[in-house]
Amino acid sequence: MAGTLRFERLYKPWDESHTTFGNFVVLGFVIVQYLDGILTYLGVSMWGLNIEANPLVSSVMAFGGLGAGLITAKLTAISLGIVLHLQRVHHLVALLTVFYVAVAILPWTALFLTH
């Protein structure tokens, strides 16, 4: 009986509610992806496809067009972030959120403010 109780403390079934931290982090991730999509759309519209630094995103946009390609790239990123959230890898989602702010949101913001 004691072994079962110990196991239950380690195991968290899928139907348990997620932590507040995890929910906050995945919401932040989705918002950052949305902002990156808007800034990327505006930047590529103003300066052309070559301004996009991510070769995967620029390839998808070159193949599918600006709107469809960008929506595909962002929905893929959001979907993968949600999968990580459902797997309860919240610290990785938080790290990815900070990473996107550092390498996407801040550079786009700086570019718009200086031009």
PDB file of N, CA and C in Angstrom:
ATOM      1  N   MET A   1       0.822  -1.188   0.000  1.00  0.00           N
ATOM      2  CA  MET A   1       0.000   0.000   0.000  1.00  0.00           C
ATOM      3  C   MET A   1       0.867   1.254   0.000  1.00  0.00           C
ATOM      4  N   ALA A   2       1.912   1.277   0.804  1.00  0.00           N
ATOM      5  CA  ALA A   2       2.781   2.447   0.865  1.00  0.00           C
ATOM      6  C   ALA A   2       3.475   2.678  -0.464  1.00  0.00           C
ATOM      7  N   GLY A   3       3.852   1.579  -1.165  1.00  0.00           N
ATOM      8  CA  GLY A   3       4.480   1.715  -2.485  1.00  0.00           C
ATOM      9  C   GLY A   3       3.530   2.336  -3.490  1.00  0.00           C
ATOM     10  N   THR A   4       2.252   1.994  -3.394  1.00  0.00           N
ATOM     11  CA  THR A   4       1.249   2.554  -4.297  1.00  0.00           C
ATOM     12  C   THR A   4       1.088   4.049  -4.053  1.00  0.00           C
ATOM     13  N   LEU A   5       1.047   4.459  -2.815  1.00  0.00           N
ATOM     14  CA  LEU A   5       0.905   5.878  -2.508  1.00  0.00           C
ATOM     15  C   LEU A   5       2.104   6.671  -3.011  1.00  0.00           C
ATOM     16  N   ARG A   6       3.287   6.111  -2.858  1.00  0.00           N
ATOM     17  CA  ARG A   6       4.501   6.773  -3.335  1.00  0.00           C
ATOM     18  C   ARG A   6       4.458   6.911  -4.858  1.00  0.00           C
ATOM     19  N   PHE A   7       4.022   5.850  -5.547  1.00  0.00           N
ATOM     20  CA  PHE A   7       3.920   5.887  -7.001  1.00  0.00           C
ATOM     21  C   PHE A   7       2.898   6.932  -7.449  1.00  0.00           C
ATOM     22  N   GLU A   8       1.782   7.037  -6.769  1.00  0.00           N
ATOM     23  CA  GLU A   8       0.746   8.002  -7.135  1.00  0.00           C
ATOM     24  C   GLU A   8       1.235   9.443  -7.001  1.00  0.00           C
ATOM     25  N   ARG A   9       2.136   9.688  -6.068  1.00  0.00           N
ATOM     26  CA  ARG A   9       2.682  11.040  -5.917  1.00  0.00           C
ATOM     27  C   ARG A   9       3.577  11.411  -7.096  1.00  0.00           C
ATOM     28  N   LEU A  10       4.254  10.432  -7.670  1.00  0.00           N
ATOM     29  CA  LEU A  10       5.146  10.697  -8.797  1.00  0.00           C
ATOM     30  C   LEU A  10       4.387  10.769 -10.112  1.00  0.00           C
ATOM     31  N   TYR A  11       3.345   9.988 -10.243  1.00  0.00           N
ATOM     32  CA  TYR A  11       2.596   9.898 -11.489  1.00  0.00           C
ATOM     33  C   TYR A  11       1.472  10.919 -11.501  1.00  0.00           C
ATOM     34  N   LYS A  12       1.379  11.681 -12.563  1.00  0.00           N
ATOM     35  CA  LYS A  12       0.313  12.670 -12.693  1.00  0.00           C
ATOM     36  C   LYS A  12      -0.512  12.313 -13.927  1.00  0.00           C
ATOM     37  N   PRO A  13      -1.726  11.828 -13.749  1.00  0.00           N
ATOM     38  CA  PRO A  13      -2.532  11.426 -14.899  1.00  0.00           C
ATOM     39  C   PRO A  13      -2.930  12.624 -15.762  1.00  0.00           C
ATOM     40  N   TRP A  14      -3.285  12.320 -17.005  1.00  0.00           N
ATOM     41  CA  TRP A  14      -3.643  13.370 -17.969  1.00  0.00           C
ATOM     42  C   TRP A  14      -4.828  14.208 -17.519  1.00  0.00           C
ATOM     43  N   ASP A  15      -5.771  13.626 -16.781  1.00  0.00           N
ATOM     44  CA  ASP A  15      -6.972  14.379 -16.442  1.00  0.00           C
ATOM     45  C   ASP A  15      -6.764  15.367 -15.303  1.00  0.00           C
ATOM     46  N   GLU A  16      -5.594  15.352 -14.679  1.00  0.00           N
ATOM     47  CA  GLU A  16      -5.306  16.352 -13.657  1.00  0.00           C
ATOM     48  C   GLU A  16      -5.138  17.724 -14.303  1.00  0.00           C
ATOM     49  N   SER A  17      -5.537  18.767 -13.609  1.00  0.00           N
ATOM     50  CA  SER A  17      -5.390  20.106 -14.171  1.00  0.00           C
ATOM     51  C   SER A  17      -3.912  20.493 -14.222  1.00  0.00           C
ATOM     52  N   HIS A  18      -3.570  21.301 -15.210  1.00  0.00           N
ATOM     53  CA  HIS A  18      -2.189  21.760 -15.359  1.00  0.00           C
ATOM     54  C   HIS A  18      -1.891  22.835 -14.317  1.00  0.00           C
ATOM     55  N   THR A  19      -0.637  23.045 -14.092  1.00  0.00           N
ATOM     56  CA  THR A  19      -0.237  24.046 -13.115  1.00  0.00           C
ATOM     57  C   THR A  19      -0.490  25.452 -13.648  1.00  0.00           C
ATOM     58  N   THR A  20      -0.590  26.380 -12.752  1.00  0.00           N
ATOM     59  CA  THR A  20      -0.749  27.774 -13.147  1.00  0.00           C
ATOM     60  C   THR A  20       0.461  28.241 -13.938  1.00  0.00           C
ATOM     61  N   PHE A  21       1.637  27.829 -13.510  1.00  0.00           N
ATOM     62  CA  PHE A  21       2.860  28.191 -14.234  1.00  0.00           C
ATOM     63  C   PHE A  21       2.804  27.704 -15.673  1.00  0.00           C
ATOM     64  N   GLY A  22       2.439  26.463 -15.876  1.00  0.00           N
ATOM     65  CA  GLY A  22       2.369  25.899 -17.221  1.00  0.00           C
ATOM     66  C   GLY A  22       1.360  26.613 -18.093  1.00  0.00           C
ATOM     67  N   ASN A  23       0.202  26.919 -17.549  1.00  0.00           N
ATOM     68  CA  ASN A  23      -0.815  27.641 -18.313  1.00  0.00           C
ATOM     69  C   ASN A  23      -0.345  29.047 -18.676  1.00  0.00           C
ATOM     70  N   PHE A  24       0.291  29.705 -17.719  1.00  0.00           N
ATOM     71  CA  PHE A  24       0.812  31.047 -17.968  1.00  0.00           C
ATOM     72  C   PHE A  24       1.884  31.026 -19.054  1.00  0.00           C
ATOM     73  N   VAL A  25       2.763  30.042 -18.977  1.00  0.00           N
ATOM     74  CA  VAL A  25       3.869  29.943 -19.929  1.00  0.00           C
ATOM     75  C   VAL A  25       3.361  29.665 -21.338  1.00  0.00           C
ATOM     76  N   VAL A  26       2.429  28.735 -21.486  1.00  0.00           N
ATOM     77  CA  VAL A  26       1.940  28.418 -22.833  1.00  0.00           C
ATOM     78  C   VAL A  26       1.146  29.600 -23.403  1.00  0.00           C
ATOM     79  N   LEU A  27       0.436  30.317 -22.567  1.00  0.00           N
ATOM     80  CA  LEU A  27      -0.262  31.515 -23.036  1.00  0.00           C
ATOM     81  C   LEU A  27       0.740  32.566 -23.508  1.00  0.00           C
ATOM     82  N   GLY A  28       1.809  32.764 -22.743  1.00  0.00           N
ATOM     83  CA  GLY A  28       2.863  33.682 -23.157  1.00  0.00           C
ATOM     84  C   GLY A  28       3.496  33.257 -24.466  1.00  0.00           C
ATOM     85  N   PHE A  29       3.730  31.945 -24.634  1.00  0.00           N
ATOM     86  CA  PHE A  29       4.309  31.425 -25.870  1.00  0.00           C
ATOM     87  C   PHE A  29       3.415  31.733 -27.061  1.00  0.00           C
ATOM     88  N   VAL A  30       2.121  31.504 -26.921  1.00  0.00           N
ATOM     89  CA  VAL A  30       1.178  31.768 -28.017  1.00  0.00           C
ATOM     90  C   VAL A  30       1.149  33.260 -28.338  1.00  0.00           C
ATOM     91  N   ILE A  31       1.145  34.109 -27.340  1.00  0.00           N
ATOM     92  CA  ILE A  31       1.143  35.563 -27.567  1.00  0.00           C
ATOM     93  C   ILE A  31       2.411  36.001 -28.287  1.00  0.00           C
ATOM     94  N   VAL A  32       3.553  35.477 -27.875  1.00  0.00           N
ATOM     95  CA  VAL A  32       4.823  35.835 -28.517  1.00  0.00           C
ATOM     96  C   VAL A  32       4.835  35.359 -29.969  1.00  0.00           C
ATOM     97  N   GLN A  33       4.297  34.168 -30.237  1.00  0.00           N
ATOM     98  CA  GLN A  33       4.216  33.685 -31.619  1.00  0.00           C
ATOM     99  C   GLN A  33       3.314  34.590 -32.463  1.00  0.00           C
ATOM    100  N   TYR A  34       2.209  34.999 -31.889  1.00  0.00           N
ATOM    101  CA  TYR A  34       1.284  35.898 -32.577  1.00  0.00           C
ATOM    102  C   TYR A  34       1.970  37.233 -32.894  1.00  0.00           C
ATOM    103  N   LEU A  35       2.654  37.809 -31.908  1.00  0.00           N
ATOM    104  CA  LEU A  35       3.369  39.068 -32.126  1.00  0.00           C
ATOM    105  C   LEU A  35       4.470  38.912 -33.176  1.00  0.00           C
ATOM    106  N   ASP A  36       5.196  37.810 -33.114  1.00  0.00           N
ATOM    107  CA  ASP A  36       6.235  37.558 -34.110  1.00  0.00           C
ATOM    108  C   ASP A  36       5.624  37.459 -35.501  1.00  0.00           C
ATOM    109  N   GLY A  37       4.476  36.816 -35.608  1.00  0.00           N
ATOM    110  CA  GLY A  37       3.801  36.719 -36.906  1.00  0.00           C
ATOM    111  C   GLY A  37       3.414  38.081 -37.451  1.00  0.00           C
ATOM    112  N   ILE A  38       2.867  38.935 -36.599  1.00  0.00           N
ATOM    113  CA  ILE A  38       2.476  40.282 -37.028  1.00  0.00           C
ATOM    114  C   ILE A  38       3.702  41.084 -37.449  1.00  0.00           C
ATOM    115  N   LEU A  39       4.737  41.063 -36.616  1.00  0.00           N
ATOM    116  CA  LEU A  39       5.948  41.829 -36.928  1.00  0.00           C
ATOM    117  C   LEU A  39       6.634  41.303 -38.182  1.00  0.00           C
ATOM    118  N   THR A  40       6.660  39.992 -38.347  1.00  0.00           N
ATOM    119  CA  THR A  40       7.252  39.402 -39.546  1.00  0.00           C
ATOM    120  C   THR A  40       6.466  39.809 -40.784  1.00  0.00           C
ATOM    121  N   TYR A  41       5.156  39.757 -40.696  1.00  0.00           N
ATOM    122  CA  TYR A  41       4.316  40.147 -41.831  1.00  0.00           C
ATOM    123  C   TYR A  41       4.577  41.600 -42.219  1.00  0.00           C
ATOM    124  N   LEU A  42       4.602  42.474 -41.239  1.00  0.00           N
ATOM    125  CA  LEU A  42       4.856  43.889 -41.522  1.00  0.00           C
ATOM    126  C   LEU A  42       6.257  44.097 -42.089  1.00  0.00           C
ATOM    127  N   GLY A  43       7.246  43.436 -41.494  1.00  0.00           N
ATOM    128  CA  GLY A  43       8.621  43.593 -41.945  1.00  0.00           C
ATOM    129  C   GLY A  43       8.831  43.083 -43.356  1.00  0.00           C
ATOM    130  N   VAL A  44       8.307  41.922 -43.663  1.00  0.00           N
ATOM    131  CA  VAL A  44       8.458  41.361 -45.005  1.00  0.00           C
ATOM    132  C   VAL A  44       7.662  42.179 -46.016  1.00  0.00           C
ATOM    133  N   SER A  45       6.515  42.688 -45.616  1.00  0.00           N
ATOM    134  CA  SER A  45       5.732  43.550 -46.513  1.00  0.00           C
ATOM    135  C   SER A  45       6.488  44.829 -46.856  1.00  0.00           C
ATOM    136  N   MET A  46       7.206  45.370 -45.880  1.00  0.00           N
ATOM    137  CA  MET A  46       7.918  46.634 -46.093  1.00  0.00           C
ATOM    138  C   MET A  46       9.255  46.442 -46.795  1.00  0.00           C
ATOM    139  N   TRP A  47      10.021  45.412 -46.406  1.00  0.00           N
ATOM    140  CA  TRP A  47      11.402  45.303 -46.865  1.00  0.00           C
ATOM    141  C   TRP A  47      11.687  44.070 -47.720  1.00  0.00           C
ATOM    142  N   GLY A  48      10.713  43.245 -47.935  1.00  0.00           N
ATOM    143  CA  GLY A  48      10.912  42.074 -48.777  1.00  0.00           C
ATOM    144  C   GLY A  48      11.273  40.830 -47.990  1.00  0.00           C
ATOM    145  N   LEU A  49      11.223  39.697 -48.670  1.00  0.00           N
ATOM    146  CA  LEU A  49      11.419  38.398 -48.041  1.00  0.00           C
ATOM    147  C   LEU A  49      12.821  38.210 -47.479  1.00  0.00           C
ATOM    148  N   ASN A  50      13.803  38.902 -48.046  1.00  0.00           N
ATOM    149  CA  ASN A  50      15.185  38.740 -47.588  1.00  0.00           C
ATOM    150  C   ASN A  50      15.421  39.261 -46.173  1.00  0.00           C
ATOM    151  N   ILE A  51      14.492  40.031 -45.633  1.00  0.00           N
ATOM    152  CA  ILE A  51      14.660  40.573 -44.287  1.00  0.00           C
ATOM    153  C   ILE A  51      14.436  39.492 -43.221  1.00  0.00           C
ATOM    154  N   GLU A  52      13.711  38.432 -43.575  1.00  0.00           N
ATOM    155  CA  GLU A  52      13.453  37.346 -42.620  1.00  0.00           C
ATOM    156  C   GLU A  52      14.722  36.535 -42.412  1.00  0.00           C
ATOM    157  N   ALA A  53      15.162  36.439 -41.156  1.00  0.00           N
ATOM    158  CA  ALA A  53      16.423  35.772 -40.831  1.00  0.00           C
ATOM    159  C   ALA A  53      16.288  34.259 -40.709  1.00  0.00           C
ATOM    160  N   ASN A  54      15.102  33.755 -40.436  1.00  0.00           N
ATOM    161  CA  ASN A  54      14.902  32.322 -40.278  1.00  0.00           C
ATOM    162  C   ASN A  54      14.726  31.683 -41.657  1.00  0.00           C
ATOM    163  N   PRO A  55      15.674  30.846 -42.084  1.00  0.00           N
ATOM    164  CA  PRO A  55      15.578  30.261 -43.421  1.00  0.00           C
ATOM    165  C   PRO A  55      14.380  29.336 -43.604  1.00  0.00           C
ATOM    166  N   LEU A  56      13.943  28.680 -42.534  1.00  0.00           N
ATOM    167  CA  LEU A  56      12.758  27.825 -42.657  1.00  0.00           C
ATOM    168  C   LEU A  56      11.506  28.655 -42.916  1.00  0.00           C
ATOM    169  N   VAL A  57      11.351  29.722 -42.161  1.00  0.00           N
ATOM    170  CA  VAL A  57      10.172  30.582 -42.319  1.00  0.00           C
ATOM    171  C   VAL A  57      10.202  31.275 -43.672  1.00  0.00           C
ATOM    172  N   SER A  58      11.358  31.773 -44.089  1.00  0.00           N
ATOM    173  CA  SER A  58      11.429  32.450 -45.388  1.00  0.00           C
ATOM    174  C   SER A  58      11.175  31.469 -46.529  1.00  0.00           C
ATOM    175  N   SER A  59      11.613  30.214 -46.390  1.00  0.00           N
ATOM    176  CA  SER A  59      11.349  29.208 -47.419  1.00  0.00           C
ATOM    177  C   SER A  59       9.862  28.891 -47.517  1.00  0.00           C
ATOM    178  N   VAL A  60       9.203  28.757 -46.367  1.00  0.00           N
ATOM    179  CA  VAL A  60       7.768  28.482 -46.361  1.00  0.00           C
ATOM    180  C   VAL A  60       7.011  29.659 -46.974  1.00  0.00           C
ATOM    181  N   MET A  61       7.439  30.877 -46.658  1.00  0.00           N
ATOM    182  CA  MET A  61       6.775  32.056 -47.226  1.00  0.00           C
ATOM    183  C   MET A  61       7.042  32.164 -48.722  1.00  0.00           C
ATOM    184  N   ALA A  62       8.240  31.816 -49.170  1.00  0.00           N
ATOM    185  CA  ALA A  62       8.547  31.854 -50.601  1.00  0.00           C
ATOM    186  C   ALA A  62       7.711  30.822 -51.347  1.00  0.00           C
ATOM    187  N   PHE A  63       7.498  29.672 -50.739  1.00  0.00           N
ATOM    188  CA  PHE A  63       6.739  28.605 -51.373  1.00  0.00           C
ATOM    189  C   PHE A  63       5.238  28.867 -51.340  1.00  0.00           C
ATOM    190  N   GLY A  64       4.716  29.275 -50.179  1.00  0.00           N
ATOM    191  CA  GLY A  64       3.271  29.394 -50.007  1.00  0.00           C
ATOM    192  C   GLY A  64       2.721  30.798 -50.076  1.00  0.00           C
ATOM    193  N   GLY A  65       3.597  31.789 -50.219  1.00  0.00           N
ATOM    194  CA  GLY A  65       3.140  33.168 -50.188  1.00  0.00           C
ATOM    195  C   GLY A  65       3.287  33.738 -48.792  1.00  0.00           C
ATOM    196  N   LEU A  66       3.283  35.045 -48.713  1.00  0.00           N
ATOM    197  CA  LEU A  66       3.530  35.717 -47.437  1.00  0.00           C
ATOM    198  C   LEU A  66       2.506  35.318 -46.380  1.00  0.00           C
ATOM    199  N   GLY A  67       1.237  35.491 -46.673  1.00  0.00           N
ATOM    200  CA  GLY A  67       0.200  35.207 -45.675  1.00  0.00           C
ATOM    201  C   GLY A  67       0.090  33.737 -45.331  1.00  0.00           C
ATOM    202  N   ALA A  68      -0.095  32.895 -46.331  1.00  0.00           N
ATOM    203  CA  ALA A  68      -0.286  31.460 -46.092  1.00  0.00           C
ATOM    204  C   ALA A  68       0.971  30.821 -45.502  1.00  0.00           C
ATOM    205  N   GLY A  69       2.121  31.208 -45.997  1.00  0.00           N
ATOM    206  CA  GLY A  69       3.365  30.646 -45.485  1.00  0.00           C
ATOM    207  C   GLY A  69       3.611  31.026 -44.038  1.00  0.00           C
ATOM    208  N   LEU A  70       3.369  32.279 -43.733  1.00  0.00           N
ATOM    209  CA  LEU A  70       3.584  32.748 -42.364  1.00  0.00           C
ATOM    210  C   LEU A  70       2.579  32.125 -41.401  1.00  0.00           C
ATOM    211  N   ILE A  71       1.334  32.020 -41.822  1.00  0.00           N
ATOM    212  CA  ILE A  71       0.318  31.378 -40.978  1.00  0.00           C
ATOM    213  C   ILE A  71       0.689  29.912 -40.733  1.00  0.00           C
ATOM    214  N   THR A  72       1.159  29.233 -41.772  1.00  0.00           N
ATOM    215  CA  THR A  72       1.577  27.840 -41.624  1.00  0.00           C
ATOM    216  C   THR A  72       2.724  27.713 -40.630  1.00  0.00           C
ATOM    217  N   ALA A  73       3.720  28.577 -40.757  1.00  0.00           N
ATOM    218  CA  ALA A  73       4.880  28.530 -39.863  1.00  0.00           C
ATOM    219  C   ALA A  73       4.473  28.817 -38.417  1.00  0.00           C
ATOM    220  N   LYS A  74       3.653  29.815 -38.210  1.00  0.00           N
ATOM    221  CA  LYS A  74       3.260  30.187 -36.851  1.00  0.00           C
ATOM    222  C   LYS A  74       2.327  29.147 -36.229  1.00  0.00           C
ATOM    223  N   LEU A  75       1.384  28.605 -37.009  1.00  0.00           N
ATOM    224  CA  LEU A  75       0.505  27.565 -36.464  1.00  0.00           C
ATOM    225  C   LEU A  75       1.285  26.302 -36.125  1.00  0.00           C
ATOM    226  N   THR A  76       2.310  26.005 -36.913  1.00  0.00           N
ATOM    227  CA  THR A  76       3.166  24.859 -36.602  1.00  0.00           C
ATOM    228  C   THR A  76       3.911  25.096 -35.292  1.00  0.00           C
ATOM    229  N   ALA A  77       4.490  26.275 -35.130  1.00  0.00           N
ATOM    230  CA  ALA A  77       5.213  26.596 -33.903  1.00  0.00           C
ATOM    231  C   ALA A  77       4.281  26.555 -32.692  1.00  0.00           C
ATOM    232  N   ILE A  78       3.097  27.139 -32.823  1.00  0.00           N
ATOM    233  CA  ILE A  78       2.130  27.138 -31.723  1.00  0.00           C
ATOM    234  C   ILE A  78       1.697  25.717 -31.396  1.00  0.00           C
ATOM    235  N   SER A  79       1.449  24.912 -32.415  1.00  0.00           N
ATOM    236  CA  SER A  79       1.037  23.517 -32.184  1.00  0.00           C
ATOM    237  C   SER A  79       2.111  22.741 -31.441  1.00  0.00           C
ATOM    238  N   LEU A  80       3.362  22.916 -31.838  1.00  0.00           N
ATOM    239  CA  LEU A  80       4.449  22.211 -31.162  1.00  0.00           C
ATOM    240  C   LEU A  80       4.611  22.701 -29.716  1.00  0.00           C
ATOM    241  N   GLY A  81       4.408  23.991 -29.496  1.00  0.00           N
ATOM    242  CA  GLY A  81       4.446  24.521 -28.129  1.00  0.00           C
ATOM    243  C   GLY A  81       3.345  23.945 -27.264  1.00  0.00           C
ATOM    244  N   ILE A  82       2.170  23.769 -27.844  1.00  0.00           N
ATOM    245  CA  ILE A  82       1.053  23.178 -27.100  1.00  0.00           C
ATOM    246  C   ILE A  82       1.323  21.708 -26.804  1.00  0.00           C
ATOM    247  N   VAL A  83       1.939  21.001 -27.753  1.00  0.00           N
ATOM    248  CA  VAL A  83       2.309  19.603 -27.502  1.00  0.00           C
ATOM    249  C   VAL A  83       3.274  19.524 -26.317  1.00  0.00           C
ATOM    250  N   LEU A  84       4.259  20.410 -26.288  1.00  0.00           N
ATOM    251  CA  LEU A  84       5.176  20.440 -25.144  1.00  0.00           C
ATOM    252  C   LEU A  84       4.429  20.740 -23.846  1.00  0.00           C
ATOM    253  N   HIS A  85       3.483  21.652 -23.911  1.00  0.00           N
ATOM    254  CA  HIS A  85       2.675  21.985 -22.736  1.00  0.00           C
ATOM    255  C   HIS A  85       1.887  20.763 -22.261  1.00  0.00           C
ATOM    256  N   LEU A  86       1.277  20.052 -23.186  1.00  0.00           N
ATOM    257  CA  LEU A  86       0.507  18.868 -22.814  1.00  0.00           C
ATOM    258  C   LEU A  86       1.391  17.761 -22.255  1.00  0.00           C
ATOM    259  N   GLN A  87       2.648  17.757 -22.663  1.00  0.00           N
ATOM    260  CA  GLN A  87       3.604  16.799 -22.121  1.00  0.00           C
ATOM    261  C   GLN A  87       4.215  17.310 -20.809  1.00  0.00           C
ATOM    262  N   ARG A  88       3.781  18.472 -20.396  1.00  0.00           N
ATOM    263  CA  ARG A  88       4.212  19.109 -19.143  1.00  0.00           C
ATOM    264  C   ARG A  88       5.705  19.435 -19.121  1.00  0.00           C
ATOM    265  N   VAL A  89       6.181  19.905 -20.249  1.00  0.00           N
ATOM    266  CA  VAL A  89       7.573  20.345 -20.357  1.00  0.00           C
ATOM    267  C   VAL A  89       7.551  21.875 -20.303  1.00  0.00           C
ATOM    268  N   HIS A  90       7.002  22.391 -19.221  1.00  0.00           N
ATOM    269  CA  HIS A  90       6.732  23.819 -19.123  1.00  0.00           C
ATOM    270  C   HIS A  90       7.996  24.668 -19.093  1.00  0.00           C
ATOM    271  N   HIS A  91       9.049  24.166 -18.510  1.00  0.00           N
ATOM    272  CA  HIS A  91      10.280  24.957 -18.465  1.00  0.00           C
ATOM    273  C   HIS A  91      10.874  25.132 -19.862  1.00  0.00           C
ATOM    274  N   LEU A  92      10.731  24.134 -20.717  1.00  0.00           N
ATOM    275  CA  LEU A  92      11.199  24.263 -22.095  1.00  0.00           C
ATOM    276  C   LEU A  92      10.347  25.271 -22.859  1.00  0.00           C
ATOM    277  N   VAL A  93       9.046  25.262 -22.646  1.00  0.00           N
ATOM    278  CA  VAL A  93       8.167  26.245 -23.293  1.00  0.00           C
ATOM    279  C   VAL A  93       8.529  27.650 -22.815  1.00  0.00           C
ATOM    280  N   ALA A  94       8.838  27.793 -21.538  1.00  0.00           N
ATOM    281  CA  ALA A  94       9.262  29.096 -21.011  1.00  0.00           C
ATOM    282  C   ALA A  94      10.569  29.539 -21.651  1.00  0.00           C
ATOM    283  N   LEU A  95      11.509  28.615 -21.779  1.00  0.00           N
ATOM    284  CA  LEU A  95      12.786  28.927 -22.415  1.00  0.00           C
ATOM    285  C   LEU A  95      12.593  29.329 -23.877  1.00  0.00           C
ATOM    286  N   LEU A  96      11.741  28.624 -24.594  1.00  0.00           N
ATOM    287  CA  LEU A  96      11.454  28.974 -25.991  1.00  0.00           C
ATOM    288  C   LEU A  96      10.781  30.341 -26.102  1.00  0.00           C
ATOM    289  N   THR A  97       9.937  30.664 -25.145  1.00  0.00           N
ATOM    290  CA  THR A  97       9.279  31.973 -25.144  1.00  0.00           C
ATOM    291  C   THR A  97      10.307  33.090 -24.984  1.00  0.00           C
ATOM    292  N   VAL A  98      11.201  32.920 -24.035  1.00  0.00           N
ATOM    293  CA  VAL A  98      12.270  33.912 -23.825  1.00  0.00           C
ATOM    294  C   VAL A  98      13.164  33.987 -25.062  1.00  0.00           C
ATOM    295  N   PHE A  99      13.469  32.840 -25.652  1.00  0.00           N
ATOM    296  CA  PHE A  99      14.289  32.792 -26.855  1.00  0.00           C
ATOM    297  C   PHE A  99      13.639  33.583 -27.992  1.00  0.00           C
ATOM    298  N   TYR A 100      12.337  33.376 -28.226  1.00  0.00           N
ATOM    299  CA  TYR A 100      11.637  34.104 -29.290  1.00  0.00           C
ATOM    300  C   TYR A 100      11.600  35.608 -29.022  1.00  0.00           C
ATOM    301  N   VAL A 101      11.441  35.985 -27.771  1.00  0.00           N
ATOM    302  CA  VAL A 101      11.472  37.414 -27.452  1.00  0.00           C
ATOM    303  C   VAL A 101      12.842  37.981 -27.805  1.00  0.00           C
ATOM    304  N   ALA A 102      13.899  37.253 -27.461  1.00  0.00           N
ATOM    305  CA  ALA A 102      15.265  37.741 -27.684  1.00  0.00           C
ATOM    306  C   ALA A 102      15.658  37.767 -29.150  1.00  0.00           C
ATOM    307  N   VAL A 103      15.259  36.748 -29.925  1.00  0.00           N
ATOM    308  CA  VAL A 103      15.746  36.661 -31.307  1.00  0.00           C
ATOM    309  C   VAL A 103      14.722  37.071 -32.356  1.00  0.00           C
ATOM    310  N   ALA A 104      13.504  37.360 -31.938  1.00  0.00           N
ATOM    311  CA  ALA A 104      12.482  37.762 -32.910  1.00  0.00           C
ATOM    312  C   ALA A 104      11.819  39.088 -32.536  1.00  0.00           C
ATOM    313  N   ILE A 105      11.217  39.143 -31.376  1.00  0.00           N
ATOM    314  CA  ILE A 105      10.450  40.343 -31.005  1.00  0.00           C
ATOM    315  C   ILE A 105      11.365  41.554 -30.848  1.00  0.00           C
ATOM    316  N   LEU A 106      12.439  41.419 -30.081  1.00  0.00           N
ATOM    317  CA  LEU A 106      13.344  42.559 -29.878  1.00  0.00           C
ATOM    318  C   LEU A 106      14.022  43.026 -31.172  1.00  0.00           C
ATOM    319  N   PRO A 107      14.551  42.114 -32.003  1.00  0.00           N
ATOM    320  CA  PRO A 107      15.148  42.588 -33.263  1.00  0.00           C
ATOM    321  C   PRO A 107      14.137  43.270 -34.193  1.00  0.00           C
ATOM    322  N   TRP A 108      12.939  42.704 -34.325  1.00  0.00           N
ATOM    323  CA  TRP A 108      11.932  43.357 -35.164  1.00  0.00           C
ATOM    324  C   TRP A 108      11.582  44.743 -34.603  1.00  0.00           C
ATOM    325  N   THR A 109      11.406  44.812 -33.299  1.00  0.00           N
ATOM    326  CA  THR A 109      11.072  46.096 -32.674  1.00  0.00           C
ATOM    327  C   THR A 109      12.176  47.115 -32.917  1.00  0.00           C
ATOM    328  N   ALA A 110      13.416  46.706 -32.737  1.00  0.00           N
ATOM    329  CA  ALA A 110      14.546  47.614 -32.989  1.00  0.00           C
ATOM    330  C   ALA A 110      14.577  48.053 -34.443  1.00  0.00           C
ATOM    331  N   LEU A 111      14.320  47.133 -35.350  1.00  0.00           N
ATOM    332  CA  LEU A 111      14.325  47.467 -36.776  1.00  0.00           C
ATOM    333  C   LEU A 111      13.239  48.485 -37.110  1.00  0.00           C
ATOM    334  N   PHE A 112      12.036  48.282 -36.584  1.00  0.00           N
ATOM    335  CA  PHE A 112      10.949  49.224 -36.847  1.00  0.00           C
ATOM    336  C   PHE A 112      11.222  50.599 -36.223  1.00  0.00           C
ATOM    337  N   LEU A 113      11.829  50.616 -35.054  1.00  0.00           N
ATOM    338  CA  LEU A 113      12.094  51.895 -34.395  1.00  0.00           C
ATOM    339  C   LEU A 113      13.219  52.683 -35.043  1.00  0.00           C
ATOM    340  N   THR A 114      14.130  52.004 -35.719  1.00  0.00           N
ATOM    341  CA  THR A 114      15.254  52.707 -36.328  1.00  0.00           C
ATOM    342  C   THR A 114      15.056  53.018 -37.806  1.00  0.00           C
ATOM    343  N   HIS A 115      14.001  52.539 -38.406  1.00  0.00           N
ATOM    344  CA  HIS A 115      13.770  52.827 -39.831  1.00  0.00           C
ATOM    345  C   HIS A 115      12.462  53.545 -40.033  1.00  0.00           C
TER     346      HIS A 115
END
